[in-house]
Amino acid sequence: MLTSVAIFYLVIKGAFLAALVKAFTSSDSLMEKPIMMAVIYTLGIAGLSYVYLNPSMLREMGISWEDRRIWLGTTFLLAALYFWLLAKFENAGALWWAILMLGLGLVIY
């Protein structure tokens, strides 16, 4: 069950991804750097998760620090793939929109 803090965290996480996608799609120089965008996204999510899901809350949820590092690594890989696909299929029409909507899965993860 989602608490109000978890819902607020997901909303901020979604807004952060939407802002990065907006910047990514509106700038040709950023379109050439999907890895940099994945790093920015991962660092932002790491900061958000530390603020909203602090270590004491993680202990209560039964999540160890090692699991957290694996989660951040997986987040980076998924974000890098996501931004790379957005850049690669920039002019693909419906396929680009489908990839854009798959970003919701990245927010929930």
PDB file of N, CA and C in Angstrom:
ATOM      1  N   MET A   1       0.835  -1.178   0.000  1.00  0.00           N
ATOM      2  CA  MET A   1       0.000   0.000   0.000  1.00  0.00           C
ATOM      3  C   MET A   1       0.882   1.243   0.000  1.00  0.00           C
ATOM      4  N   LEU A   2       0.506   2.202  -0.801  1.00  0.00           N
ATOM      5  CA  LEU A   2       1.295   3.417  -0.911  1.00  0.00           C
ATOM      6  C   LEU A   2       0.889   4.412   0.173  1.00  0.00           C
ATOM      7  N   THR A   3       1.890   4.932   0.832  1.00  0.00           N
ATOM      8  CA  THR A   3       1.637   5.988   1.805  1.00  0.00           C
ATOM      9  C   THR A   3       1.641   7.324   1.081  1.00  0.00           C
ATOM     10  N   SER A   4       1.266   8.368   1.790  1.00  0.00           N
ATOM     11  CA  SER A   4       1.249   9.696   1.166  1.00  0.00           C
ATOM     12  C   SER A   4       2.658  10.138   0.775  1.00  0.00           C
ATOM     13  N   VAL A   5       3.667   9.734   1.539  1.00  0.00           N
ATOM     14  CA  VAL A   5       5.053  10.084   1.207  1.00  0.00           C
ATOM     15  C   VAL A   5       5.477   9.385  -0.076  1.00  0.00           C
ATOM     16  N   ALA A   6       5.098   8.119  -0.227  1.00  0.00           N
ATOM     17  CA  ALA A   6       5.459   7.365  -1.431  1.00  0.00           C
ATOM     18  C   ALA A   6       4.755   7.931  -2.663  1.00  0.00           C
ATOM     19  N   ILE A   7       3.518   8.341  -2.519  1.00  0.00           N
ATOM     20  CA  ILE A   7       2.796   8.944  -3.639  1.00  0.00           C
ATOM     21  C   ILE A   7       3.436  10.271  -4.020  1.00  0.00           C
ATOM     22  N   PHE A   8       3.773  11.083  -3.036  1.00  0.00           N
ATOM     23  CA  PHE A   8       4.445  12.357  -3.289  1.00  0.00           C
ATOM     24  C   PHE A   8       5.794  12.124  -3.964  1.00  0.00           C
ATOM     25  N   TYR A   9       6.519  11.112  -3.531  1.00  0.00           N
ATOM     26  CA  TYR A   9       7.804  10.749  -4.125  1.00  0.00           C
ATOM     27  C   TYR A   9       7.640  10.369  -5.595  1.00  0.00           C
ATOM     28  N   LEU A  10       6.621   9.570  -5.920  1.00  0.00           N
ATOM     29  CA  LEU A  10       6.383   9.173  -7.304  1.00  0.00           C
ATOM     30  C   LEU A  10       5.984  10.357  -8.181  1.00  0.00           C
ATOM     31  N   VAL A  11       5.216  11.281  -7.634  1.00  0.00           N
ATOM     32  CA  VAL A  11       4.816  12.470  -8.397  1.00  0.00           C
ATOM     33  C   VAL A  11       6.038  13.338  -8.700  1.00  0.00           C
ATOM     34  N   ILE A  12       6.895  13.551  -7.712  1.00  0.00           N
ATOM     35  CA  ILE A  12       8.102  14.347  -7.941  1.00  0.00           C
ATOM     36  C   ILE A  12       9.030  13.626  -8.918  1.00  0.00           C
ATOM     37  N   LYS A  13       9.139  12.326  -8.786  1.00  0.00           N
ATOM     38  CA  LYS A  13       9.975  11.537  -9.687  1.00  0.00           C
ATOM     39  C   LYS A  13       9.466  11.656 -11.123  1.00  0.00           C
ATOM     40  N   GLY A  14       8.160  11.596 -11.319  1.00  0.00           N
ATOM     41  CA  GLY A  14       7.567  11.750 -12.642  1.00  0.00           C
ATOM     42  C   GLY A  14       7.781  13.146 -13.214  1.00  0.00           C
ATOM     43  N   ALA A  15       7.629  14.155 -12.380  1.00  0.00           N
ATOM     44  CA  ALA A  15       7.840  15.529 -12.836  1.00  0.00           C
ATOM     45  C   ALA A  15       9.307  15.748 -13.219  1.00  0.00           C
ATOM     46  N   PHE A  16      10.212  15.141 -12.466  1.00  0.00           N
ATOM     47  CA  PHE A  16      11.640  15.253 -12.766  1.00  0.00           C
ATOM     48  C   PHE A  16      11.955  14.596 -14.113  1.00  0.00           C
ATOM     49  N   LEU A  17      11.412  13.412 -14.357  1.00  0.00           N
ATOM     50  CA  LEU A  17      11.634  12.748 -15.637  1.00  0.00           C
ATOM     51  C   LEU A  17      11.009  13.552 -16.774  1.00  0.00           C
ATOM     52  N   ALA A  18       9.819  14.100 -16.557  1.00  0.00           N
ATOM     53  CA  ALA A  18       9.166  14.896 -17.599  1.00  0.00           C
ATOM     54  C   ALA A  18       9.998  16.127 -17.944  1.00  0.00           C
ATOM     55  N   ALA A  19      10.578  16.768 -16.948  1.00  0.00           N
ATOM     56  CA  ALA A  19      11.423  17.939 -17.200  1.00  0.00           C
ATOM     57  C   ALA A  19      12.681  17.550 -17.977  1.00  0.00           C
ATOM     58  N   LEU A  20      13.277  16.419 -17.617  1.00  0.00           N
ATOM     59  CA  LEU A  20      14.463  15.968 -18.347  1.00  0.00           C
ATOM     60  C   LEU A  20      14.130  15.592 -19.789  1.00  0.00           C
ATOM     61  N   VAL A  21      12.999  14.938 -20.002  1.00  0.00           N
ATOM     62  CA  VAL A  21      12.598  14.571 -21.356  1.00  0.00           C
ATOM     63  C   VAL A  21      12.314  15.825 -22.172  1.00  0.00           C
ATOM     64  N   LYS A  22      11.679  16.812 -21.576  1.00  0.00           N
ATOM     65  CA  LYS A  22      11.398  18.072 -22.270  1.00  0.00           C
ATOM     66  C   LYS A  22      12.695  18.752 -22.689  1.00  0.00           C
ATOM     67  N   ALA A  23      13.664  18.822 -21.779  1.00  0.00           N
ATOM     68  CA  ALA A  23      14.955  19.419 -22.114  1.00  0.00           C
ATOM     69  C   ALA A  23      15.684  18.586 -23.161  1.00  0.00           C
ATOM     70  N   PHE A  24      15.599  17.276 -23.032  1.00  0.00           N
ATOM     71  CA  PHE A  24      16.278  16.361 -23.943  1.00  0.00           C
ATOM     72  C   PHE A  24      15.737  16.487 -25.363  1.00  0.00           C
ATOM     73  N   THR A  25      14.433  16.581 -25.504  1.00  0.00           N
ATOM     74  CA  THR A  25      13.835  16.627 -26.831  1.00  0.00           C
ATOM     75  C   THR A  25      13.914  18.006 -27.466  1.00  0.00           C
ATOM     76  N   SER A  26      14.079  19.045 -26.676  1.00  0.00           N
ATOM     77  CA  SER A  26      14.106  20.392 -27.247  1.00  0.00           C
ATOM     78  C   SER A  26      15.518  20.866 -27.585  1.00  0.00           C
ATOM     79  N   SER A  27      16.528  20.121 -27.215  1.00  0.00           N
ATOM     80  CA  SER A  27      17.906  20.539 -27.462  1.00  0.00           C
ATOM     81  C   SER A  27      18.645  19.467 -28.264  1.00  0.00           C
ATOM     82  N   ASP A  28      19.166  19.878 -29.418  1.00  0.00           N
ATOM     83  CA  ASP A  28      19.907  18.928 -30.246  1.00  0.00           C
ATOM     84  C   ASP A  28      21.207  18.498 -29.581  1.00  0.00           C
ATOM     85  N   SER A  29      21.834  19.397 -28.838  1.00  0.00           N
ATOM     86  CA  SER A  29      23.098  19.026 -28.186  1.00  0.00           C
ATOM     87  C   SER A  29      22.865  18.001 -27.067  1.00  0.00           C
ATOM     88  N   LEU A  30      21.730  18.083 -26.392  1.00  0.00           N
ATOM     89  CA  LEU A  30      21.424  17.086 -25.357  1.00  0.00           C
ATOM     90  C   LEU A  30      21.023  15.750 -25.983  1.00  0.00           C
ATOM     91  N   MET A  31      20.421  15.792 -27.172  1.00  0.00           N
ATOM     92  CA  MET A  31      20.033  14.549 -27.848  1.00  0.00           C
ATOM     93  C   MET A  31      21.240  13.689 -28.168  1.00  0.00           C
ATOM     94  N   GLU A  32      22.399  14.306 -28.265  1.00  0.00           N
ATOM     95  CA  GLU A  32      23.619  13.565 -28.572  1.00  0.00           C
ATOM     96  C   GLU A  32      24.248  12.951 -27.329  1.00  0.00           C
ATOM     97  N   LYS A  33      23.690  13.224 -26.145  1.00  0.00           N
ATOM     98  CA  LYS A  33      24.288  12.764 -24.890  1.00  0.00           C
ATOM     99  C   LYS A  33      23.296  12.018 -24.004  1.00  0.00           C
ATOM    100  N   PRO A  34      22.821  10.848 -24.432  1.00  0.00           N
ATOM    101  CA  PRO A  34      21.855  10.115 -23.607  1.00  0.00           C
ATOM    102  C   PRO A  34      22.467   9.579 -22.312  1.00  0.00           C
ATOM    103  N   ILE A  35      23.764   9.264 -22.320  1.00  0.00           N
ATOM    104  CA  ILE A  35      24.409   8.761 -21.100  1.00  0.00           C
ATOM    105  C   ILE A  35      24.458   9.860 -20.038  1.00  0.00           C
ATOM    106  N   MET A  36      24.751  11.100 -20.463  1.00  0.00           N
ATOM    107  CA  MET A  36      24.774  12.215 -19.520  1.00  0.00           C
ATOM    108  C   MET A  36      23.389  12.428 -18.903  1.00  0.00           C
ATOM    109  N   MET A  37      22.349  12.303 -19.719  1.00  0.00           N
ATOM    110  CA  MET A  37      20.994  12.457 -19.198  1.00  0.00           C
ATOM    111  C   MET A  37      20.649  11.342 -18.219  1.00  0.00           C
ATOM    112  N   ALA A  38      21.141  10.133 -18.491  1.00  0.00           N
ATOM    113  CA  ALA A  38      20.911   9.020 -17.566  1.00  0.00           C
ATOM    114  C   ALA A  38      21.629   9.258 -16.250  1.00  0.00           C
ATOM    115  N   VAL A  39      22.831   9.830 -16.308  1.00  0.00           N
ATOM    116  CA  VAL A  39      23.574  10.148 -15.078  1.00  0.00           C
ATOM    117  C   VAL A  39      22.821  11.205 -14.276  1.00  0.00           C
ATOM    118  N   ILE A  40      22.343  12.241 -14.950  1.00  0.00           N
ATOM    119  CA  ILE A  40      21.589  13.299 -14.262  1.00  0.00           C
ATOM    120  C   ILE A  40      20.327  12.722 -13.629  1.00  0.00           C
ATOM    121  N   TYR A  41      19.615  11.876 -14.370  1.00  0.00           N
ATOM    122  CA  TYR A  41      18.400  11.270 -13.835  1.00  0.00           C
ATOM    123  C   TYR A  41      18.715  10.395 -12.618  1.00  0.00           C
ATOM    124  N   THR A  42      19.756   9.581 -12.721  1.00  0.00           N
ATOM    125  CA  THR A  42      20.102   8.686 -11.613  1.00  0.00           C
ATOM    126  C   THR A  42      20.527   9.470 -10.377  1.00  0.00           C
ATOM    127  N   LEU A  43      21.331  10.509 -10.565  1.00  0.00           N
ATOM    128  CA  LEU A  43      21.738  11.335  -9.418  1.00  0.00           C
ATOM    129  C   LEU A  43      20.541  12.049  -8.790  1.00  0.00           C
ATOM    130  N   GLY A  44      19.635  12.529  -9.628  1.00  0.00           N
ATOM    131  CA  GLY A  44      18.439  13.183  -9.103  1.00  0.00           C
ATOM    132  C   GLY A  44      17.555  12.225  -8.323  1.00  0.00           C
ATOM    133  N   ILE A  45      17.384  11.025  -8.849  1.00  0.00           N
ATOM    134  CA  ILE A  45      16.563  10.026  -8.169  1.00  0.00           C
ATOM    135  C   ILE A  45      17.234   9.562  -6.883  1.00  0.00           C
ATOM    136  N   ALA A  46      18.557   9.445  -6.906  1.00  0.00           N
ATOM    137  CA  ALA A  46      19.278   9.061  -5.679  1.00  0.00           C
ATOM    138  C   ALA A  46      19.071  10.129  -4.604  1.00  0.00           C
ATOM    139  N   GLY A  47      19.133  11.383  -4.995  1.00  0.00           N
ATOM    140  CA  GLY A  47      18.891  12.461  -4.031  1.00  0.00           C
ATOM    141  C   GLY A  47      17.468  12.475  -3.520  1.00  0.00           C
ATOM    142  N   LEU A  48      16.509  12.307  -4.427  1.00  0.00           N
ATOM    143  CA  LEU A  48      15.107  12.273  -4.012  1.00  0.00           C
ATOM    144  C   LEU A  48      14.819  11.096  -3.091  1.00  0.00           C
ATOM    145  N   SER A  49      15.372   9.944  -3.430  1.00  0.00           N
ATOM    146  CA  SER A  49      15.098   8.773  -2.606  1.00  0.00           C
ATOM    147  C   SER A  49      15.750   8.901  -1.237  1.00  0.00           C
ATOM    148  N   TYR A  50      16.878   9.596  -1.159  1.00  0.00           N
ATOM    149  CA  TYR A  50      17.498   9.798   0.152  1.00  0.00           C
ATOM    150  C   TYR A  50      16.661  10.747   1.001  1.00  0.00           C
ATOM    151  N   VAL A  51      16.111  11.771   0.361  1.00  0.00           N
ATOM    152  CA  VAL A  51      15.310  12.740   1.109  1.00  0.00           C
ATOM    153  C   VAL A  51      13.985  12.135   1.552  1.00  0.00           C
ATOM    154  N   TYR A  52      13.293  11.452   0.642  1.00  0.00           N
ATOM    155  CA  TYR A  52      11.955  10.954   0.960  1.00  0.00           C
ATOM    156  C   TYR A  52      11.948   9.543   1.530  1.00  0.00           C
ATOM    157  N   LEU A  53      12.939   8.735   1.169  1.00  0.00           N
ATOM    158  CA  LEU A  53      13.017   7.376   1.692  1.00  0.00           C
ATOM    159  C   LEU A  53      14.334   7.255   2.449  1.00  0.00           C
ATOM    160  N   ASN A  54      14.446   7.976   3.546  1.00  0.00           N
ATOM    161  CA  ASN A  54      15.701   8.038   4.294  1.00  0.00           C
ATOM    162  C   ASN A  54      16.091   6.673   4.862  1.00  0.00           C
ATOM    163  N   PRO A  55      17.333   6.529   5.317  1.00  0.00           N
ATOM    164  CA  PRO A  55      17.809   5.220   5.775  1.00  0.00           C
ATOM    165  C   PRO A  55      16.941   4.567   6.851  1.00  0.00           C
ATOM    166  N   SER A  56      16.391   5.345   7.759  1.00  0.00           N
ATOM    167  CA  SER A  56      15.550   4.730   8.788  1.00  0.00           C
ATOM    168  C   SER A  56      14.271   4.152   8.176  1.00  0.00           C
ATOM    169  N   MET A  57      13.718   4.835   7.188  1.00  0.00           N
ATOM    170  CA  MET A  57      12.525   4.331   6.523  1.00  0.00           C
ATOM    171  C   MET A  57      12.862   3.070   5.717  1.00  0.00           C
ATOM    172  N   LEU A  58      14.057   3.059   5.092  1.00  0.00           N
ATOM    173  CA  LEU A  58      14.474   1.881   4.331  1.00  0.00           C
ATOM    174  C   LEU A  58      14.656   0.674   5.246  1.00  0.00           C
ATOM    175  N   ARG A  59      15.201   0.900   6.440  1.00  0.00           N
ATOM    176  CA  ARG A  59      15.349  -0.201   7.401  1.00  0.00           C
ATOM    177  C   ARG A  59      13.996  -0.762   7.801  1.00  0.00           C
ATOM    178  N   GLU A  60      13.031   0.121   7.993  1.00  0.00           N
ATOM    179  CA  GLU A  60      11.683  -0.323   8.342  1.00  0.00           C
ATOM    180  C   GLU A  60      11.049  -1.125   7.204  1.00  0.00           C
ATOM    181  N   MET A  61      11.402  -0.771   5.956  1.00  0.00           N
ATOM    182  CA  MET A  61      10.864  -1.485   4.799  1.00  0.00           C
ATOM    183  C   MET A  61      11.655  -2.754   4.512  1.00  0.00           C
ATOM    184  N   GLY A  62      12.774  -2.958   5.221  1.00  0.00           N
ATOM    185  CA  GLY A  62      13.572  -4.161   5.045  1.00  0.00           C
ATOM    186  C   GLY A  62      14.506  -4.115   3.847  1.00  0.00           C
ATOM    187  N   ILE A  63      14.919  -2.918   3.434  1.00  0.00           N
ATOM    188  CA  ILE A  63      15.801  -2.752   2.281  1.00  0.00           C
ATOM    189  C   ILE A  63      17.196  -2.406   2.779  1.00  0.00           C
ATOM    190  N   SER A  64      18.185  -3.176   2.353  1.00  0.00           N
ATOM    191  CA  SER A  64      19.561  -2.913   2.772  1.00  0.00           C
ATOM    192  C   SER A  64      20.238  -1.951   1.798  1.00  0.00           C
ATOM    193  N   TRP A  65      21.399  -1.425   2.202  1.00  0.00           N
ATOM    194  CA  TRP A  65      22.139  -0.487   1.369  1.00  0.00           C
ATOM    195  C   TRP A  65      22.633  -1.167   0.086  1.00  0.00           C
ATOM    196  N   GLU A  66      22.999  -2.446   0.164  1.00  0.00           N
ATOM    197  CA  GLU A  66      23.457  -3.160  -1.026  1.00  0.00           C
ATOM    198  C   GLU A  66      22.338  -3.260  -2.061  1.00  0.00           C
ATOM    199  N   ASP A  67      21.128  -3.528  -1.598  1.00  0.00           N
ATOM    200  CA  ASP A  67      19.984  -3.561  -2.505  1.00  0.00           C
ATOM    201  C   ASP A  67      19.761  -2.189  -3.142  1.00  0.00           C
ATOM    202  N   ARG A  68      20.021  -1.144  -2.392  1.00  0.00           N
ATOM    203  CA  ARG A  68      19.855   0.219  -2.891  1.00  0.00           C
ATOM    204  C   ARG A  68      20.851   0.525  -4.008  1.00  0.00           C
ATOM    205  N   ARG A  69      22.088   0.059  -3.855  1.00  0.00           N
ATOM    206  CA  ARG A  69      23.101   0.281  -4.897  1.00  0.00           C
ATOM    207  C   ARG A  69      22.728  -0.470  -6.169  1.00  0.00           C
ATOM    208  N   ILE A  70      22.229  -1.682  -6.038  1.00  0.00           N
ATOM    209  CA  ILE A  70      21.782  -2.442  -7.209  1.00  0.00           C
ATOM    210  C   ILE A  70      20.622  -1.724  -7.882  1.00  0.00           C
ATOM    211  N   TRP A  71      19.705  -1.182  -7.095  1.00  0.00           N
ATOM    212  CA  TRP A  71      18.569  -0.433  -7.630  1.00  0.00           C
ATOM    213  C   TRP A  71      19.047   0.794  -8.404  1.00  0.00           C
ATOM    214  N   LEU A  72      20.031   1.519  -7.864  1.00  0.00           N
ATOM    215  CA  LEU A  72      20.541   2.699  -8.556  1.00  0.00           C
ATOM    216  C   LEU A  72      21.257   2.315  -9.849  1.00  0.00           C
ATOM    217  N   GLY A  73      22.007   1.218  -9.838  1.00  0.00           N
ATOM    218  CA  GLY A  73      22.663   0.752 -11.056  1.00  0.00           C
ATOM    219  C   GLY A  73      21.662   0.359 -12.128  1.00  0.00           C
ATOM    220  N   THR A  74      20.628  -0.332 -11.724  1.00  0.00           N
ATOM    221  CA  THR A  74      19.577  -0.725 -12.661  1.00  0.00           C
ATOM    222  C   THR A  74      18.842   0.504 -13.189  1.00  0.00           C
ATOM    223  N   THR A  75      18.603   1.472 -12.319  1.00  0.00           N
ATOM    224  CA  THR A  75      17.961   2.714 -12.742  1.00  0.00           C
ATOM    225  C   THR A  75      18.806   3.415 -13.791  1.00  0.00           C
ATOM    226  N   PHE A  76      20.125   3.453 -13.583  1.00  0.00           N
ATOM    227  CA  PHE A  76      21.008   4.083 -14.560  1.00  0.00           C
ATOM    228  C   PHE A  76      20.943   3.367 -15.908  1.00  0.00           C
ATOM    229  N   LEU A  77      21.003   2.049 -15.898  1.00  0.00           N
ATOM    230  CA  LEU A  77      20.969   1.295 -17.151  1.00  0.00           C
ATOM    231  C   LEU A  77      19.640   1.490 -17.887  1.00  0.00           C
ATOM    232  N   LEU A  78      18.538   1.456 -17.154  1.00  0.00           N
ATOM    233  CA  LEU A  78      17.230   1.653 -17.785  1.00  0.00           C
ATOM    234  C   LEU A  78      17.082   3.073 -18.326  1.00  0.00           C
ATOM    235  N   ALA A  79      17.577   4.059 -17.577  1.00  0.00           N
ATOM    236  CA  ALA A  79      17.502   5.452 -18.035  1.00  0.00           C
ATOM    237  C   ALA A  79      18.377   5.664 -19.262  1.00  0.00           C
ATOM    238  N   ALA A  80      19.565   5.056 -19.280  1.00  0.00           N
ATOM    239  CA  ALA A  80      20.447   5.186 -20.446  1.00  0.00           C
ATOM    240  C   ALA A  80      19.777   4.577 -21.678  1.00  0.00           C
ATOM    241  N   LEU A  81      19.176   3.414 -21.525  1.00  0.00           N
ATOM    242  CA  LEU A  81      18.464   2.779 -22.634  1.00  0.00           C
ATOM    243  C   LEU A  81      17.283   3.640 -23.079  1.00  0.00           C
ATOM    244  N   TYR A  82      16.552   4.189 -22.132  1.00  0.00           N
ATOM    245  CA  TYR A  82      15.388   5.020 -22.427  1.00  0.00           C
ATOM    246  C   TYR A  82      15.784   6.259 -23.228  1.00  0.00           C
ATOM    247  N   PHE A  83      16.780   6.996 -22.754  1.00  0.00           N
ATOM    248  CA  PHE A  83      17.190   8.212 -23.458  1.00  0.00           C
ATOM    249  C   PHE A  83      17.836   7.883 -24.802  1.00  0.00           C
ATOM    250  N   TRP A  84      18.547   6.769 -24.901  1.00  0.00           N
ATOM    251  CA  TRP A  84      19.131   6.373 -26.173  1.00  0.00           C
ATOM    252  C   TRP A  84      18.036   6.050 -27.192  1.00  0.00           C
ATOM    253  N   LEU A  85      16.997   5.334 -26.746  1.00  0.00           N
ATOM    254  CA  LEU A  85      15.885   5.018 -27.646  1.00  0.00           C
ATOM    255  C   LEU A  85      15.147   6.277 -28.081  1.00  0.00           C
ATOM    256  N   LEU A  86      14.966   7.222 -27.163  1.00  0.00           N
ATOM    257  CA  LEU A  86      14.313   8.477 -27.534  1.00  0.00           C
ATOM    258  C   LEU A  86      15.117   9.212 -28.599  1.00  0.00           C
ATOM    259  N   ALA A  87      16.438   9.209 -28.466  1.00  0.00           N
ATOM    260  CA  ALA A  87      17.281   9.902 -29.441  1.00  0.00           C
ATOM    261  C   ALA A  87      17.302   9.156 -30.778  1.00  0.00           C
ATOM    262  N   LYS A  88      17.357   7.840 -30.719  1.00  0.00           N
ATOM    263  CA  LYS A  88      17.470   7.040 -31.947  1.00  0.00           C
ATOM    264  C   LYS A  88      16.198   7.117 -32.785  1.00  0.00           C
ATOM    265  N   PHE A  89      15.047   7.089 -32.161  1.00  0.00           N
ATOM    266  CA  PHE A  89      13.776   7.081 -32.873  1.00  0.00           C
ATOM    267  C   PHE A  89      13.078   8.428 -32.791  1.00  0.00           C
ATOM    268  N   GLU A  90      13.855   9.495 -32.900  1.00  0.00           N
ATOM    269  CA  GLU A  90      13.316  10.850 -32.757  1.00  0.00           C
ATOM    270  C   GLU A  90      12.218  11.157 -33.778  1.00  0.00           C
ATOM    271  N   ASN A  91      12.384  10.739 -34.997  1.00  0.00           N
ATOM    272  CA  ASN A  91      11.419  11.051 -36.057  1.00  0.00           C
ATOM    273  C   ASN A  91      10.591   9.835 -36.469  1.00  0.00           C
ATOM    274  N   ALA A  92      10.315   8.941 -35.535  1.00  0.00           N
ATOM    275  CA  ALA A  92       9.611   7.701 -35.876  1.00  0.00           C
ATOM    276  C   ALA A  92       8.105   7.759 -35.628  1.00  0.00           C
ATOM    277  N   GLY A  93       7.572   8.878 -35.256  1.00  0.00           N
ATOM    278  CA  GLY A  93       6.129   9.027 -35.089  1.00  0.00           C
ATOM    279  C   GLY A  93       5.571   8.255 -33.908  1.00  0.00           C
ATOM    280  N   ALA A  94       4.710   7.280 -34.199  1.00  0.00           N
ATOM    281  CA  ALA A  94       4.015   6.527 -33.153  1.00  0.00           C
ATOM    282  C   ALA A  94       4.979   5.718 -32.295  1.00  0.00           C
ATOM    283  N   LEU A  95       6.042   5.218 -32.890  1.00  0.00           N
ATOM    284  CA  LEU A  95       7.023   4.466 -32.112  1.00  0.00           C
ATOM    285  C   LEU A  95       7.685   5.355 -31.066  1.00  0.00           C
ATOM    286  N   TRP A  96       7.994   6.592 -31.441  1.00  0.00           N
ATOM    287  CA  TRP A  96       8.592   7.531 -30.489  1.00  0.00           C
ATOM    288  C   TRP A  96       7.641   7.796 -29.335  1.00  0.00           C
ATOM    289  N   TRP A  97       6.365   7.963 -29.650  1.00  0.00           N
ATOM    290  CA  TRP A  97       5.379   8.202 -28.596  1.00  0.00           C
ATOM    291  C   TRP A  97       5.240   6.984 -27.683  1.00  0.00           C
ATOM    292  N   ALA A  98       5.329   5.801 -28.247  1.00  0.00           N
ATOM    293  CA  ALA A  98       5.272   4.583 -27.425  1.00  0.00           C
ATOM    294  C   ALA A  98       6.472   4.515 -26.484  1.00  0.00           C
ATOM    295  N   ILE A  99       7.639   4.856 -27.001  1.00  0.00           N
ATOM    296  CA  ILE A  99       8.840   4.867 -26.151  1.00  0.00           C
ATOM    297  C   ILE A  99       8.696   5.928 -25.070  1.00  0.00           C
ATOM    298  N   LEU A 100       8.153   7.081 -25.434  1.00  0.00           N
ATOM    299  CA  LEU A 100       7.942   8.146 -24.463  1.00  0.00           C
ATOM    300  C   LEU A 100       7.030   7.682 -23.329  1.00  0.00           C
ATOM    301  N   MET A 101       5.967   6.956 -23.662  1.00  0.00           N
ATOM    302  CA  MET A 101       5.032   6.473 -22.645  1.00  0.00           C
ATOM    303  C   MET A 101       5.644   5.371 -21.783  1.00  0.00           C
ATOM    304  N   LEU A 102       6.618   4.647 -22.305  1.00  0.00           N
ATOM    305  CA  LEU A 102       7.302   3.623 -21.500  1.00  0.00           C
ATOM    306  C   LEU A 102       8.092   4.251 -20.357  1.00  0.00           C
ATOM    307  N   GLY A 103       8.321   5.543 -20.443  1.00  0.00           N
ATOM    308  CA  GLY A 103       8.991   6.245 -19.352  1.00  0.00           C
ATOM    309  C   GLY A 103       8.208   6.195 -18.053  1.00  0.00           C
ATOM    310  N   LEU A 104       6.899   5.966 -18.146  1.00  0.00           N
ATOM    311  CA  LEU A 104       6.091   5.820 -16.928  1.00  0.00           C
ATOM    312  C   LEU A 104       6.549   4.615 -16.123  1.00  0.00           C
ATOM    313  N   GLY A 105       6.991   3.565 -16.822  1.00  0.00           N
ATOM    314  CA  GLY A 105       7.535   2.401 -16.128  1.00  0.00           C
ATOM    315  C   GLY A 105       8.816   2.741 -15.388  1.00  0.00           C
ATOM    316  N   LEU A 106       9.592   3.643 -15.963  1.00  0.00           N
ATOM    317  CA  LEU A 106      10.822   4.086 -15.310  1.00  0.00           C
ATOM    318  C   LEU A 106      10.504   4.876 -14.037  1.00  0.00           C
ATOM    319  N   VAL A 107       9.423   5.631 -14.084  1.00  0.00           N
ATOM    320  CA  VAL A 107       9.020   6.393 -12.886  1.00  0.00           C
ATOM    321  C   VAL A 107       8.549   5.440 -11.785  1.00  0.00           C
ATOM    322  N   ILE A 108       7.797   4.442 -12.147  1.00  0.00           N
ATOM    323  CA  ILE A 108       7.260   3.520 -11.136  1.00  0.00           C
ATOM    324  C   ILE A 108       8.354   2.640 -10.569  1.00  0.00           C
ATOM    325  N   TYR A 109       9.370   2.290 -11.414  1.00  0.00           N
ATOM    326  CA  TYR A 109      10.461   1.455 -10.921  1.00  0.00           C
ATOM    327  C   TYR A 109      11.268   2.252  -9.934  1.00  0.00           C
TER     328      TYR A 109
END
